[in-house]
Amino acid sequence: RDIDVHLNGDSAWAEFNWTFDAKLKSTGAPIHTEGRETQIYQRDPMNRWRLHHVHYSGLPPATQPRTAP
């Protein structure tokens, strides 16, 4: 979700948020993660886009309103 794609000549990058839900095969315990991913691409001489780099970040914790002490 929240996909942004950017193109600059023979380079491009995509940014998006992801959600991953699964179960551990060994125990059946649920797994839930969310994060932000950036993918960097470069066009090769055959005009094909090649993935060169991927970066994952966890989402920041939800911001709680501050209250006076």
N, C-alpha and C. Protein backbone atom coordinates (compact mmCIF):
# COMPACT_ATOMS: atom_id res chain seq x y z
N ARG A 1 0.84 -1.18 0.00
CA ARG A 1 0.00 0.00 0.00
C ARG A 1 0.89 1.24 0.00
N ASP A 2 0.31 2.39 -0.28
CA ASP A 2 1.05 3.66 -0.32
C ASP A 2 2.25 3.57 -1.25
N ILE A 3 2.02 3.13 -2.47
CA ILE A 3 3.11 2.89 -3.43
C ILE A 3 3.48 4.20 -4.12
N ASP A 4 4.79 4.50 -4.14
CA ASP A 4 5.35 5.61 -4.90
C ASP A 4 6.44 5.06 -5.79
N VAL A 5 6.38 5.36 -7.10
CA VAL A 5 7.40 4.93 -8.05
C VAL A 5 8.02 6.18 -8.67
N HIS A 6 9.34 6.19 -8.73
CA HIS A 6 10.09 7.35 -9.25
C HIS A 6 11.01 6.88 -10.37
N LEU A 7 11.10 7.68 -11.43
CA LEU A 7 11.95 7.35 -12.58
C LEU A 7 12.89 8.50 -12.84
N ASN A 8 14.17 8.18 -13.04
CA ASN A 8 15.18 9.18 -13.36
C ASN A 8 16.12 8.57 -14.39
N GLY A 9 15.80 8.74 -15.66
CA GLY A 9 16.63 8.17 -16.73
C GLY A 9 16.61 6.65 -16.67
N ASP A 10 17.79 6.05 -16.52
CA ASP A 10 17.91 4.60 -16.46
C ASP A 10 17.89 4.06 -15.04
N SER A 11 17.49 4.90 -14.09
CA SER A 11 17.35 4.47 -12.69
C SER A 11 15.91 4.69 -12.24
N ALA A 12 15.48 3.86 -11.32
CA ALA A 12 14.13 4.01 -10.76
C ALA A 12 14.13 3.46 -9.34
N TRP A 13 13.17 3.93 -8.55
CA TRP A 13 13.01 3.36 -7.21
C TRP A 13 11.54 3.35 -6.86
N ALA A 14 11.18 2.34 -6.08
CA ALA A 14 9.80 2.18 -5.62
C ALA A 14 9.82 2.15 -4.10
N GLU A 15 8.83 2.80 -3.51
CA GLU A 15 8.69 2.84 -2.05
C GLU A 15 7.26 2.43 -1.72
N PHE A 16 7.10 1.60 -0.71
CA PHE A 16 5.76 1.17 -0.32
C PHE A 16 5.77 0.61 1.09
N ASN A 17 4.59 0.59 1.70
CA ASN A 17 4.38 -0.05 3.00
C ASN A 17 3.88 -1.46 2.76
N TRP A 18 4.28 -2.39 3.62
CA TRP A 18 3.85 -3.78 3.48
C TRP A 18 3.34 -4.32 4.81
N THR A 19 2.50 -5.34 4.68
CA THR A 19 2.00 -6.10 5.82
C THR A 19 2.23 -7.57 5.51
N PHE A 20 2.77 -8.30 6.48
CA PHE A 20 3.06 -9.73 6.29
C PHE A 20 2.40 -10.51 7.42
N ASP A 21 1.54 -11.45 7.05
CA ASP A 21 0.89 -12.34 8.01
C ASP A 21 1.19 -13.78 7.62
N ALA A 22 1.60 -14.58 8.59
CA ALA A 22 1.95 -15.98 8.33
C ALA A 22 1.79 -16.77 9.62
N LYS A 23 2.07 -18.07 9.52
CA LYS A 23 2.11 -18.95 10.69
C LYS A 23 3.41 -19.73 10.64
N LEU A 24 4.05 -19.89 11.80
CA LEU A 24 5.25 -20.71 11.87
C LEU A 24 4.88 -22.15 11.57
N LYS A 25 5.64 -22.77 10.69
CA LYS A 25 5.36 -24.15 10.32
C LYS A 25 5.53 -25.09 11.52
N SER A 26 6.53 -24.81 12.36
CA SER A 26 6.83 -25.71 13.48
C SER A 26 5.77 -25.70 14.59
N THR A 27 5.20 -24.52 14.86
CA THR A 27 4.27 -24.41 15.99
C THR A 27 2.89 -23.89 15.63
N GLY A 28 2.75 -23.33 14.45
CA GLY A 28 1.48 -22.72 14.07
C GLY A 28 1.27 -21.35 14.68
N ALA A 29 2.27 -20.83 15.39
CA ALA A 29 2.16 -19.50 16.00
C ALA A 29 2.04 -18.43 14.91
N PRO A 30 1.14 -17.48 15.10
CA PRO A 30 0.98 -16.43 14.10
C PRO A 30 2.14 -15.44 14.12
N ILE A 31 2.43 -14.89 12.95
CA ILE A 31 3.45 -13.85 12.78
C ILE A 31 2.78 -12.69 12.04
N HIS A 32 2.99 -11.49 12.53
CA HIS A 32 2.47 -10.29 11.87
C HIS A 32 3.56 -9.22 11.92
N THR A 33 3.96 -8.73 10.76
CA THR A 33 4.92 -7.63 10.71
C THR A 33 4.43 -6.60 9.70
N GLU A 34 4.87 -5.37 9.92
CA GLU A 34 4.57 -4.28 9.00
C GLU A 34 5.83 -3.46 8.83
N GLY A 35 5.98 -2.85 7.67
CA GLY A 35 7.17 -2.04 7.46
C GLY A 35 7.10 -1.25 6.18
N ARG A 36 8.22 -0.64 5.89
CA ARG A 36 8.39 0.18 4.69
C ARG A 36 9.52 -0.44 3.89
N GLU A 37 9.36 -0.50 2.57
CA GLU A 37 10.38 -1.08 1.70
C GLU A 37 10.71 -0.11 0.59
N THR A 38 11.99 -0.05 0.24
CA THR A 38 12.47 0.71 -0.91
C THR A 38 13.22 -0.26 -1.81
N GLN A 39 12.92 -0.22 -3.11
CA GLN A 39 13.60 -1.05 -4.10
C GLN A 39 14.25 -0.13 -5.13
N ILE A 40 15.52 -0.39 -5.45
CA ILE A 40 16.27 0.40 -6.42
C ILE A 40 16.49 -0.44 -7.68
N TYR A 41 16.16 0.13 -8.84
CA TYR A 41 16.28 -0.56 -10.12
C TYR A 41 17.19 0.21 -11.06
N GLN A 42 17.81 -0.51 -12.00
CA GLN A 42 18.58 0.12 -13.06
C GLN A 42 18.28 -0.59 -14.37
N ARG A 43 18.12 0.19 -15.44
CA ARG A 43 17.86 -0.39 -16.76
C ARG A 43 19.19 -0.84 -17.36
N ASP A 44 19.24 -2.09 -17.85
CA ASP A 44 20.48 -2.62 -18.42
C ASP A 44 20.54 -2.33 -19.93
N PRO A 45 21.66 -2.66 -20.58
CA PRO A 45 21.79 -2.38 -22.02
C PRO A 45 20.75 -3.08 -22.89
N MET A 46 20.12 -4.14 -22.39
CA MET A 46 19.08 -4.85 -23.15
C MET A 46 17.69 -4.27 -22.86
N ASN A 47 17.65 -3.11 -22.18
CA ASN A 47 16.42 -2.39 -21.85
C ASN A 47 15.55 -3.14 -20.84
N ARG A 48 16.17 -3.95 -19.98
CA ARG A 48 15.46 -4.67 -18.92
C ARG A 48 15.74 -3.98 -17.60
N TRP A 49 14.73 -3.90 -16.75
CA TRP A 49 14.91 -3.32 -15.42
C TRP A 49 15.43 -4.40 -14.49
N ARG A 50 16.54 -4.10 -13.79
CA ARG A 50 17.17 -5.04 -12.86
C ARG A 50 17.12 -4.47 -11.46
N LEU A 51 16.69 -5.31 -10.52
CA LEU A 51 16.66 -4.93 -9.11
C LEU A 51 18.09 -4.95 -8.57
N HIS A 52 18.55 -3.83 -8.01
CA HIS A 52 19.92 -3.74 -7.49
C HIS A 52 20.00 -3.70 -5.98
N HIS A 53 18.96 -3.20 -5.34
CA HIS A 53 19.05 -3.05 -3.88
C HIS A 53 17.64 -3.02 -3.28
N VAL A 54 17.51 -3.59 -2.09
CA VAL A 54 16.25 -3.55 -1.35
C VAL A 54 16.57 -3.14 0.08
N HIS A 55 15.77 -2.26 0.62
CA HIS A 55 15.94 -1.84 2.02
C HIS A 55 14.60 -1.96 2.73
N TYR A 56 14.62 -2.58 3.91
CA TYR A 56 13.42 -2.73 4.74
C TYR A 56 13.57 -1.90 6.01
N SER A 57 12.50 -1.27 6.42
CA SER A 57 12.46 -0.56 7.69
C SER A 57 11.16 -0.90 8.40
N GLY A 58 11.24 -1.05 9.70
CA GLY A 58 10.03 -1.21 10.49
C GLY A 58 9.30 0.11 10.56
N LEU A 59 7.99 0.05 10.73
CA LEU A 59 7.24 1.30 10.88
C LEU A 59 7.51 1.88 12.26
N PRO A 60 7.54 3.21 12.37
CA PRO A 60 7.76 3.81 13.70
C PRO A 60 6.59 3.49 14.61
N PRO A 61 6.83 3.45 15.92
CA PRO A 61 5.72 3.19 16.85
C PRO A 61 4.66 4.28 16.72
N ALA A 62 3.43 3.91 16.98
CA ALA A 62 2.34 4.89 16.92
C ALA A 62 2.62 6.02 17.90
N THR A 63 2.38 7.21 17.48
CA THR A 63 2.62 8.38 18.33
C THR A 63 1.47 8.54 19.31
N GLN A 64 1.80 8.59 20.55
CA GLN A 64 0.80 8.80 21.60
C GLN A 64 0.75 10.29 21.95
N PRO A 65 -0.43 10.83 22.15
CA PRO A 65 -0.51 12.24 22.55
C PRO A 65 0.18 12.45 23.90
N ARG A 66 0.90 13.53 23.99
CA ARG A 66 1.58 13.86 25.26
C ARG A 66 0.58 14.53 26.19
N THR A 67 0.67 14.15 27.44
CA THR A 67 -0.19 14.78 28.44
C THR A 67 0.70 15.45 29.49
N ALA A 68 0.19 16.52 30.04
CA ALA A 68 0.95 17.23 31.07
C ALA A 68 1.04 16.35 32.32
N PRO A 69 2.19 16.40 33.03
CA PRO A 69 2.34 15.59 34.24
C PRO A 69 1.40 16.03 35.35
